[in-house]
């Protein structure tokens, strides 16, 4: 397979993987929103109104994003990613031997 075809295939796979990861992240964010709604609903007898749902979910997501954007969180993500990358590289080297 020519290098350009191989690269094109890799780029398509990468795009597909990114789309899959975005869907997983969106599902995780939905779970965060649901957790917040359950918590707020437990504190009251009447159902949450639509505008309250939107406001509470937005507030929760803003806080999750802010928490993950803090330097300590980013450092932790970088460290974990580096470790996972090293493991992948070691596995790749073992397979090529």
PDB file of N, CA and C in Angstrom:
ATOM      1  N   UNK A   1       0.847  -1.181   0.000  1.00  0.00           N
ATOM      2  CA  UNK A   1       0.000   0.000   0.000  1.00  0.00           C
ATOM      3  C   UNK A   1       0.892   1.244   0.000  1.00  0.00           C
ATOM      4  N   UNK A   2       0.679   2.167  -0.919  1.00  0.00           N
ATOM      5  CA  UNK A   2       1.484   3.395  -0.948  1.00  0.00           C
ATOM      6  C   UNK A   2       1.320   4.204   0.335  1.00  0.00           C
ATOM      7  N   UNK A   3       2.340   4.991   0.634  1.00  0.00           N
ATOM      8  CA  UNK A   3       2.337   5.774   1.873  1.00  0.00           C
ATOM      9  C   UNK A   3       1.134   6.695   1.963  1.00  0.00           C
ATOM     10  N   UNK A   4       0.732   7.307   0.840  1.00  0.00           N
ATOM     11  CA  UNK A   4      -0.399   8.233   0.878  1.00  0.00           C
ATOM     12  C   UNK A   4      -1.705   7.505   1.199  1.00  0.00           C
ATOM     13  N   UNK A   5      -1.874   6.293   0.671  1.00  0.00           N
ATOM     14  CA  UNK A   5      -3.080   5.518   0.976  1.00  0.00           C
ATOM     15  C   UNK A   5      -3.079   5.080   2.432  1.00  0.00           C
ATOM     16  N   UNK A   6      -1.921   4.701   2.922  1.00  0.00           N
ATOM     17  CA  UNK A   6      -1.783   4.299   4.315  1.00  0.00           C
ATOM     18  C   UNK A   6      -2.105   5.475   5.237  1.00  0.00           C
ATOM     19  N   UNK A   7      -1.583   6.658   4.875  1.00  0.00           N
ATOM     20  CA  UNK A   7      -1.843   7.853   5.666  1.00  0.00           C
ATOM     21  C   UNK A   7      -3.322   8.218   5.616  1.00  0.00           C
ATOM     22  N   UNK A   8      -3.935   8.148   4.447  1.00  0.00           N
ATOM     23  CA  UNK A   8      -5.364   8.434   4.312  1.00  0.00           C
ATOM     24  C   UNK A   8      -6.198   7.502   5.177  1.00  0.00           C
ATOM     25  N   UNK A   9      -5.819   6.230   5.179  1.00  0.00           N
ATOM     26  CA  UNK A   9      -6.533   5.245   5.990  1.00  0.00           C
ATOM     27  C   UNK A   9      -6.381   5.584   7.474  1.00  0.00           C
ATOM     28  N   UNK A  10      -5.167   5.917   7.887  1.00  0.00           N
ATOM     29  CA  UNK A  10      -4.906   6.282   9.277  1.00  0.00           C
ATOM     30  C   UNK A  10      -5.717   7.516   9.678  1.00  0.00           C
ATOM     31  N   UNK A  11      -5.781   8.504   8.800  1.00  0.00           N
ATOM     32  CA  UNK A  11      -6.540   9.730   9.099  1.00  0.00           C
ATOM     33  C   UNK A  11      -8.034   9.436   9.236  1.00  0.00           C
ATOM     34  N   UNK A  12      -8.572   8.567   8.384  1.00  0.00           N
ATOM     35  CA  UNK A  12      -9.978   8.201   8.467  1.00  0.00           C
ATOM     36  C   UNK A  12     -10.254   7.468   9.777  1.00  0.00           C
ATOM     37  N   UNK A  13      -9.368   6.536  10.138  1.00  0.00           N
ATOM     38  CA  UNK A  13      -9.522   5.808  11.395  1.00  0.00           C
ATOM     39  C   UNK A  13      -9.429   6.759  12.585  1.00  0.00           C
ATOM     40  N   UNK A  14      -8.526   7.722  12.493  1.00  0.00           N
ATOM     41  CA  UNK A  14      -8.361   8.703  13.556  1.00  0.00           C
ATOM     42  C   UNK A  14      -9.619   9.565  13.701  1.00  0.00           C
ATOM     43  N   UNK A  15     -10.174   9.975  12.574  1.00  0.00           N
ATOM     44  CA  UNK A  15     -11.416  10.769  12.597  1.00  0.00           C
ATOM     45  C   UNK A  15     -12.557   9.963  13.217  1.00  0.00           C
ATOM     46  N   UNK A  16     -12.666   8.693  12.823  1.00  0.00           N
ATOM     47  CA  UNK A  16     -13.711   7.830  13.378  1.00  0.00           C
ATOM     48  C   UNK A  16     -13.528   7.648  14.880  1.00  0.00           C
ATOM     49  N   UNK A  17     -12.284   7.477  15.300  1.00  0.00           N
ATOM     50  CA  UNK A  17     -11.993   7.318  16.726  1.00  0.00           C
ATOM     51  C   UNK A  17     -12.364   8.585  17.493  1.00  0.00           C
ATOM     52  N   UNK A  18     -12.044   9.749  16.915  1.00  0.00           N
ATOM     53  CA  UNK A  18     -12.384  11.015  17.557  1.00  0.00           C
ATOM     54  C   UNK A  18     -13.894  11.173  17.694  1.00  0.00           C
ATOM     55  N   UNK A  19     -14.636  10.816  16.669  1.00  0.00           N
ATOM     56  CA  UNK A  19     -16.103  10.892  16.730  1.00  0.00           C
ATOM     57  C   UNK A  19     -16.634   9.979  17.831  1.00  0.00           C
ATOM     58  N   UNK A  20     -16.074   8.784  17.932  1.00  0.00           N
ATOM     59  CA  UNK A  20     -16.475   7.846  18.971  1.00  0.00           C
ATOM     60  C   UNK A  20     -16.167   8.404  20.364  1.00  0.00           C
ATOM     61  N   UNK A  21     -14.990   8.975  20.525  1.00  0.00           N
ATOM     62  CA  UNK A  21     -14.617   9.565  21.808  1.00  0.00           C
ATOM     63  C   UNK A  21     -15.525  10.738  22.170  1.00  0.00           C
ATOM     64  N   UNK A  22     -15.888  11.546  21.192  1.00  0.00           N
ATOM     65  CA  UNK A  22     -16.808  12.666  21.450  1.00  0.00           C
ATOM     66  C   UNK A  22     -18.165  12.157  21.919  1.00  0.00           C
ATOM     67  N   UNK A  23     -18.646  11.085  21.306  1.00  0.00           N
ATOM     68  CA  UNK A  23     -19.930  10.516  21.727  1.00  0.00           C
ATOM     69  C   UNK A  23     -19.823   9.969  23.150  1.00  0.00           C
ATOM     70  N   UNK A  24     -18.704   9.333  23.464  1.00  0.00           N
ATOM     71  CA  UNK A  24     -18.500   8.826  24.828  1.00  0.00           C
ATOM     72  C   UNK A  24     -18.435   9.967  25.836  1.00  0.00           C
ATOM     73  N   UNK A  25     -17.743  11.040  25.463  1.00  0.00           N
ATOM     74  CA  UNK A  25     -17.639  12.196  26.347  1.00  0.00           C
ATOM     75  C   UNK A  25     -19.005  12.842  26.552  1.00  0.00           C
ATOM     76  N   UNK A  26     -19.778  12.956  25.481  1.00  0.00           N
ATOM     77  CA  UNK A  26     -21.123  13.529  25.605  1.00  0.00           C
ATOM     78  C   UNK A  26     -21.983  12.668  26.527  1.00  0.00           C
ATOM     79  N   UNK A  27     -21.895  11.357  26.401  1.00  0.00           N
ATOM     80  CA  UNK A  27     -22.656  10.456  27.278  1.00  0.00           C
ATOM     81  C   UNK A  27     -22.227  10.628  28.730  1.00  0.00           C
ATOM     82  N   UNK A  28     -20.933  10.793  28.953  1.00  0.00           N
ATOM     83  CA  UNK A  28     -20.434  11.007  30.303  1.00  0.00           C
ATOM     84  C   UNK A  28     -20.942  12.333  30.871  1.00  0.00           C
ATOM     85  N   UNK A  29     -20.976  13.363  30.034  1.00  0.00           N
ATOM     86  CA  UNK A  29     -21.488  14.664  30.477  1.00  0.00           C
ATOM     87  C   UNK A  29     -22.983  14.585  30.795  1.00  0.00           C
ATOM     88  N   UNK A  30     -23.728  13.808  30.020  1.00  0.00           N
ATOM     89  CA  UNK A  30     -25.155  13.599  30.303  1.00  0.00           C
ATOM     90  C   UNK A  30     -25.302  12.961  31.683  1.00  0.00           C
ATOM     91  N   UNK A  31     -24.449  12.001  31.991  1.00  0.00           N
ATOM     92  CA  UNK A  31     -24.498  11.349  33.306  1.00  0.00           C
ATOM     93  C   UNK A  31     -24.214  12.353  34.419  1.00  0.00           C
ATOM     94  N   UNK A  32     -23.292  13.264  34.185  1.00  0.00           N
ATOM     95  CA  UNK A  32     -23.016  14.312  35.174  1.00  0.00           C
ATOM     96  C   UNK A  32     -24.253  15.190  35.377  1.00  0.00           C
ATOM     97  N   UNK A  33     -24.892  15.553  34.284  1.00  0.00           N
ATOM     98  CA  UNK A  33     -26.111  16.359  34.373  1.00  0.00           C
ATOM     99  C   UNK A  33     -27.214  15.622  35.114  1.00  0.00           C
ATOM    100  N   UNK A  34     -27.394  14.346  34.821  1.00  0.00           N
ATOM    101  CA  UNK A  34     -28.416  13.551  35.504  1.00  0.00           C
ATOM    102  C   UNK A  34     -28.127  13.433  36.994  1.00  0.00           C
ATOM    103  N   UNK A  35     -26.860  13.279  37.343  1.00  0.00           N
ATOM    104  CA  UNK A  35     -26.486  13.205  38.754  1.00  0.00           C
ATOM    105  C   UNK A  35     -26.890  14.487  39.478  1.00  0.00           C
ATOM    106  N   UNK A  36     -26.633  15.627  38.844  1.00  0.00           N
ATOM    107  CA  UNK A  36     -26.993  16.910  39.448  1.00  0.00           C
ATOM    108  C   UNK A  36     -28.510  17.031  39.598  1.00  0.00           C
ATOM    109  N   UNK A  37     -29.252  16.641  38.566  1.00  0.00           N
ATOM    110  CA  UNK A  37     -30.709  16.738  38.634  1.00  0.00           C
ATOM    111  C   UNK A  37     -31.277  15.843  39.728  1.00  0.00           C
ATOM    112  N   UNK A  38     -30.755  14.646  39.857  1.00  0.00           N
ATOM    113  CA  UNK A  38     -31.222  13.734  40.915  1.00  0.00           C
ATOM    114  C   UNK A  38     -30.966  14.334  42.286  1.00  0.00           C
ATOM    115  N   UNK A  39     -29.799  14.948  42.449  1.00  0.00           N
ATOM    116  CA  UNK A  39     -29.443  15.556  43.730  1.00  0.00           C
ATOM    117  C   UNK A  39     -30.391  16.699  44.064  1.00  0.00           C
ATOM    118  N   UNK A  40     -30.625  17.587  43.107  1.00  0.00           N
ATOM    119  CA  UNK A  40     -31.519  18.718  43.349  1.00  0.00           C
ATOM    120  C   UNK A  40     -32.965  18.254  43.545  1.00  0.00           C
ATOM    121  N   UNK A  41     -33.400  17.269  42.776  1.00  0.00           N
ATOM    122  CA  UNK A  41     -34.769  16.775  42.887  1.00  0.00           C
ATOM    123  C   UNK A  41     -35.013  16.151  44.256  1.00  0.00           C
ATOM    124  N   UNK A  42     -34.006  15.509  44.816  1.00  0.00           N
ATOM    125  CA  UNK A  42     -34.146  14.863  46.119  1.00  0.00           C
ATOM    126  C   UNK A  42     -34.430  15.867  47.234  1.00  0.00           C
ATOM    127  N   UNK A  43     -34.056  17.111  47.013  1.00  0.00           N
ATOM    128  CA  UNK A  43     -34.230  18.150  48.039  1.00  0.00           C
ATOM    129  C   UNK A  43     -35.587  18.841  47.968  1.00  0.00           C
ATOM    130  N   UNK A  44     -36.442  18.432  47.010  1.00  0.00           N
ATOM    131  CA  UNK A  44     -37.743  19.105  46.892  1.00  0.00           C
ATOM    132  C   UNK A  44     -38.831  18.126  46.491  1.00  0.00           C
ATOM    133  N   UNK A  45     -40.056  18.502  46.806  1.00  0.00           N
ATOM    134  CA  UNK A  45     -41.194  17.624  46.534  1.00  0.00           C
ATOM    135  C   UNK A  45     -41.760  17.791  45.130  1.00  0.00           C
ATOM    136  N   UNK A  46     -41.757  19.000  44.611  1.00  0.00           N
ATOM    137  CA  UNK A  46     -42.325  19.238  43.279  1.00  0.00           C
ATOM    138  C   UNK A  46     -41.279  18.965  42.206  1.00  0.00           C
ATOM    139  N   UNK A  47     -41.734  18.559  41.030  1.00  0.00           N
ATOM    140  CA  UNK A  47     -40.797  18.267  39.937  1.00  0.00           C
ATOM    141  C   UNK A  47     -40.050  19.522  39.481  1.00  0.00           C
ATOM    142  N   UNK A  48     -38.852  19.305  38.986  1.00  0.00           N
ATOM    143  CA  UNK A  48     -38.074  20.416  38.434  1.00  0.00           C
ATOM    144  C   UNK A  48     -38.751  20.920  37.166  1.00  0.00           C
ATOM    145  N   UNK A  49     -38.768  22.234  37.004  1.00  0.00           N
ATOM    146  CA  UNK A  49     -39.321  22.827  35.784  1.00  0.00           C
ATOM    147  C   UNK A  49     -38.260  22.783  34.691  1.00  0.00           C
ATOM    148  N   UNK A  50     -38.719  22.870  33.455  1.00  0.00           N
ATOM    149  CA  UNK A  50     -37.828  22.771  32.299  1.00  0.00           C
ATOM    150  C   UNK A  50     -36.690  23.788  32.368  1.00  0.00           C
ATOM    151  N   UNK A  51     -37.000  25.011  32.725  1.00  0.00           N
ATOM    152  CA  UNK A  51     -35.960  26.046  32.800  1.00  0.00           C
ATOM    153  C   UNK A  51     -34.966  25.740  33.916  1.00  0.00           C
ATOM    154  N   UNK A  52     -35.452  25.135  35.005  1.00  0.00           N
ATOM    155  CA  UNK A  52     -34.549  24.742  36.085  1.00  0.00           C
ATOM    156  C   UNK A  52     -33.617  23.617  35.619  1.00  0.00           C
ATOM    157  N   UNK A  53     -34.172  22.668  34.874  1.00  0.00           N
ATOM    158  CA  UNK A  53     -33.367  21.558  34.372  1.00  0.00           C
ATOM    159  C   UNK A  53     -32.228  22.102  33.522  1.00  0.00           C
ATOM    160  N   UNK A  54     -32.552  22.981  32.591  1.00  0.00           N
ATOM    161  CA  UNK A  54     -31.528  23.548  31.705  1.00  0.00           C
ATOM    162  C   UNK A  54     -30.475  24.306  32.507  1.00  0.00           C
ATOM    163  N   UNK A  55     -30.919  25.101  33.456  1.00  0.00           N
ATOM    164  CA  UNK A  55     -30.001  25.900  34.255  1.00  0.00           C
ATOM    165  C   UNK A  55     -29.101  25.027  35.130  1.00  0.00           C
ATOM    166  N   UNK A  56     -29.687  24.015  35.757  1.00  0.00           N
ATOM    167  CA  UNK A  56     -28.905  23.132  36.627  1.00  0.00           C
ATOM    168  C   UNK A  56     -27.885  22.313  35.826  1.00  0.00           C
ATOM    169  N   UNK A  57     -28.304  21.817  34.690  1.00  0.00           N
ATOM    170  CA  UNK A  57     -27.384  21.027  33.861  1.00  0.00           C
ATOM    171  C   UNK A  57     -26.243  21.913  33.362  1.00  0.00           C
ATOM    172  N   UNK A  58     -26.558  23.125  32.899  1.00  0.00           N
ATOM    173  CA  UNK A  58     -25.511  24.037  32.440  1.00  0.00           C
ATOM    174  C   UNK A  58     -24.534  24.357  33.576  1.00  0.00           C
ATOM    175  N   UNK A  59     -25.067  24.627  34.753  1.00  0.00           N
ATOM    176  CA  UNK A  59     -24.223  24.926  35.915  1.00  0.00           C
ATOM    177  C   UNK A  59     -23.308  23.743  36.231  1.00  0.00           C
ATOM    178  N   UNK A  60     -23.866  22.531  36.232  1.00  0.00           N
ATOM    179  CA  UNK A  60     -23.081  21.332  36.525  1.00  0.00           C
ATOM    180  C   UNK A  60     -21.979  21.123  35.484  1.00  0.00           C
ATOM    181  N   UNK A  61     -22.327  21.238  34.216  1.00  0.00           N
ATOM    182  CA  UNK A  61     -21.335  21.036  33.157  1.00  0.00           C
ATOM    183  C   UNK A  61     -20.243  22.093  33.200  1.00  0.00           C
ATOM    184  N   UNK A  62     -20.631  23.349  33.460  1.00  0.00           N
ATOM    185  CA  UNK A  62     -19.629  24.415  33.596  1.00  0.00           C
ATOM    186  C   UNK A  62     -18.645  24.083  34.712  1.00  0.00           C
ATOM    187  N   UNK A  63     -19.175  23.560  35.841  1.00  0.00           N
ATOM    188  CA  UNK A  63     -18.303  23.219  36.965  1.00  0.00           C
ATOM    189  C   UNK A  63     -17.406  22.017  36.658  1.00  0.00           C
ATOM    190  N   UNK A  64     -17.946  21.020  35.981  1.00  0.00           N
ATOM    191  CA  UNK A  64     -17.137  19.855  35.603  1.00  0.00           C
ATOM    192  C   UNK A  64     -15.998  20.296  34.688  1.00  0.00           C
ATOM    193  N   UNK A  65     -16.325  21.109  33.704  1.00  0.00           N
ATOM    194  CA  UNK A  65     -15.308  21.588  32.759  1.00  0.00           C
ATOM    195  C   UNK A  65     -14.259  22.431  33.492  1.00  0.00           C
ATOM    196  N   UNK A  66     -14.712  23.288  34.400  1.00  0.00           N
ATOM    197  CA  UNK A  66     -13.777  24.120  35.162  1.00  0.00           C
ATOM    198  C   UNK A  66     -12.864  23.255  36.022  1.00  0.00           C
ATOM    199  N   UNK A  67     -13.435  22.252  36.683  1.00  0.00           N
ATOM    200  CA  UNK A  67     -12.622  21.352  37.509  1.00  0.00           C
ATOM    201  C   UNK A  67     -11.565  20.640  36.680  1.00  0.00           C
ATOM    202  N   UNK A  68     -11.960  20.147  35.519  1.00  0.00           N
ATOM    203  CA  UNK A  68     -11.019  19.431  34.663  1.00  0.00           C
ATOM    204  C   UNK A  68      -9.982  20.359  34.035  1.00  0.00           C
ATOM    205  N   UNK A  69     -10.285  21.646  33.992  1.00  0.00           N
ATOM    206  CA  UNK A  69      -9.375  22.617  33.385  1.00  0.00           C
ATOM    207  C   UNK A  69      -8.359  23.178  34.380  1.00  0.00           C
ATOM    208  N   UNK A  70      -8.496  22.830  35.644  1.00  0.00           N
ATOM    209  CA  UNK A  70      -7.543  23.312  36.641  1.00  0.00           C
ATOM    210  C   UNK A  70      -6.167  22.707  36.369  1.00  0.00           C
ATOM    211  N   UNK A  71      -5.113  23.454  36.654  1.00  0.00           N
ATOM    212  CA  UNK A  71      -3.756  22.961  36.374  1.00  0.00           C
ATOM    213  C   UNK A  71      -3.456  21.583  36.968  1.00  0.00           C
ATOM    214  N   UNK A  72      -3.891  21.317  38.193  1.00  0.00           N
ATOM    215  CA  UNK A  72      -3.624  20.008  38.801  1.00  0.00           C
ATOM    216  C   UNK A  72      -4.316  18.892  38.037  1.00  0.00           C
ATOM    217  N   UNK A  73      -5.537  19.141  37.576  1.00  0.00           N
ATOM    218  CA  UNK A  73      -6.256  18.135  36.795  1.00  0.00           C
ATOM    219  C   UNK A  73      -5.571  17.905  35.453  1.00  0.00           C
ATOM    220  N   UNK A  74      -5.173  18.979  34.815  1.00  0.00           N
ATOM    221  CA  UNK A  74      -4.490  18.860  33.522  1.00  0.00           C
ATOM    222  C   UNK A  74      -3.176  18.104  33.695  1.00  0.00           C
ATOM    223  N   UNK A  75      -2.423  18.430  34.753  1.00  0.00           N
ATOM    224  CA  UNK A  75      -1.165  17.716  35.015  1.00  0.00           C
ATOM    225  C   UNK A  75      -1.417  16.225  35.211  1.00  0.00           C
ATOM    226  N   UNK A  76      -2.454  15.905  35.951  1.00  0.00           N
ATOM    227  CA  UNK A  76      -2.791  14.499  36.193  1.00  0.00           C
ATOM    228  C   UNK A  76      -3.164  13.786  34.887  1.00  0.00           C
ATOM    229  N   UNK A  77      -3.926  14.463  34.048  1.00  0.00           N
ATOM    230  CA  UNK A  77      -4.316  13.896  32.751  1.00  0.00           C
ATOM    231  C   UNK A  77      -3.081  13.681  31.877  1.00  0.00           C
ATOM    232  N   UNK A  78      -2.177  14.651  31.876  1.00  0.00           N
ATOM    233  CA  UNK A  78      -0.944  14.531  31.087  1.00  0.00           C
ATOM    234  C   UNK A  78      -0.118  13.351  31.584  1.00  0.00           C
ATOM    235  N   UNK A  79       0.043  13.220  32.895  1.00  0.00           N
ATOM    236  CA  UNK A  79       0.827  12.114  33.449  1.00  0.00           C
ATOM    237  C   UNK A  79       0.205  10.766  33.087  1.00  0.00           C
ATOM    238  N   UNK A  80      -1.103  10.657  33.255  1.00  0.00           N
ATOM    239  CA  UNK A  80      -1.775   9.401  32.943  1.00  0.00           C
ATOM    240  C   UNK A  80      -1.672   9.083  31.456  1.00  0.00           C
ATOM    241  N   UNK A  81      -1.836  10.108  30.609  1.00  0.00           N
ATOM    242  CA  UNK A  81      -1.717   9.913  29.169  1.00  0.00           C
ATOM    243  C   UNK A  81      -0.305   9.472  28.803  1.00  0.00           C
ATOM    244  N   UNK A  82       0.697  10.098  29.404  1.00  0.00           N
ATOM    245  CA  UNK A  82       2.091   9.725  29.135  1.00  0.00           C
ATOM    246  C   UNK A  82       2.332   8.259  29.499  1.00  0.00           C
ATOM    247  N   UNK A  83       1.821   7.825  30.660  1.00  0.00           N
ATOM    248  CA  UNK A  83       1.992   6.429  31.075  1.00  0.00           C
ATOM    249  C   UNK A  83       1.307   5.472  30.104  1.00  0.00           C
ATOM    250  N   UNK A  84       0.096   5.814  29.684  1.00  0.00           N
ATOM    251  CA  UNK A  84      -0.625   4.968  28.733  1.00  0.00           C
ATOM    252  C   UNK A  84       0.106   4.915  27.389  1.00  0.00           C
ATOM    253  N   UNK A  85       0.654   6.050  26.969  1.00  0.00           N
ATOM    254  CA  UNK A  85       1.398   6.099  25.706  1.00  0.00           C
ATOM    255  C   UNK A  85       2.637   5.207  25.782  1.00  0.00           C
ATOM    256  N   UNK A  86       3.341   5.280  26.903  1.00  0.00           N
ATOM    257  CA  UNK A  86       4.538   4.442  27.075  1.00  0.00           C
ATOM    258  C   UNK A  86       4.171   2.958  27.041  1.00  0.00           C
ATOM    259  N   UNK A  87       3.069   2.599  27.675  1.00  0.00           N
ATOM    260  CA  UNK A  87       2.612   1.210  27.634  1.00  0.00           C
ATOM    261  C   UNK A  87       2.303   0.779  26.204  1.00  0.00           C
ATOM    262  N   UNK A  88       1.637   1.645  25.456  1.00  0.00           N
ATOM    263  CA  UNK A  88       1.327   1.330  24.055  1.00  0.00           C
ATOM    264  C   UNK A  88       2.597   1.148  23.235  1.00  0.00           C
ATOM    265  N   UNK A  89       3.577   2.007  23.463  1.00  0.00           N
ATOM    266  CA  UNK A  89       4.831   1.914  22.725  1.00  0.00           C
ATOM    267  C   UNK A  89       5.582   0.634  23.074  1.00  0.00           C
ATOM    268  N   UNK A  90       5.563   0.257  24.358  1.00  0.00           N
ATOM    269  CA  UNK A  90       6.218  -0.985  24.769  1.00  0.00           C
ATOM    270  C   UNK A  90       5.547  -2.189  24.117  1.00  0.00           C
ATOM    271  N   UNK A  91       4.233  -2.187  24.101  1.00  0.00           N
ATOM    272  CA  UNK A  91       3.475  -3.276  23.474  1.00  0.00           C
ATOM    273  C   UNK A  91       3.788  -3.348  21.985  1.00  0.00           C
ATOM    274  N   UNK A  92       3.862  -2.187  21.348  1.00  0.00           N
ATOM    275  CA  UNK A  92       4.167  -2.129  19.914  1.00  0.00           C
ATOM    276  C   UNK A  92       5.566  -2.682  19.640  1.00  0.00           C
ATOM    277  N   UNK A  93       6.530  -2.328  20.491  1.00  0.00           N
ATOM    278  CA  UNK A  93       7.901  -2.818  20.319  1.00  0.00           C
ATOM    279  C   UNK A  93       7.975  -4.328  20.500  1.00  0.00           C
ATOM    280  N   UNK A  94       7.254  -4.860  21.495  1.00  0.00           N
ATOM    281  CA  UNK A  94       7.265  -6.300  21.744  1.00  0.00           C
ATOM    282  C   UNK A  94       6.676  -7.064  20.570  1.00  0.00           C
ATOM    283  N   UNK A  95       5.641  -6.509  19.948  1.00  0.00           N
ATOM    284  CA  UNK A  95       5.007  -7.167  18.806  1.00  0.00           C
ATOM    285  C   UNK A  95       5.919  -7.152  17.583  1.00  0.00           C
ATOM    286  N   UNK A  96       6.725  -6.127  17.440  1.00  0.00           N
ATOM    287  CA  UNK A  96       7.586  -6.024  16.260  1.00  0.00           C
ATOM    288  C   UNK A  96       8.874  -6.850  16.407  1.00  0.00           C
ATOM    289  N   UNK A  97       9.122  -7.363  17.564  1.00  0.00           N
ATOM    290  CA  UNK A  97      10.344  -8.162  17.770  1.00  0.00           C
ATOM    291  C   UNK A  97      10.137  -9.603  17.394  1.00  0.00           C
TER     292      UNK A  97
END
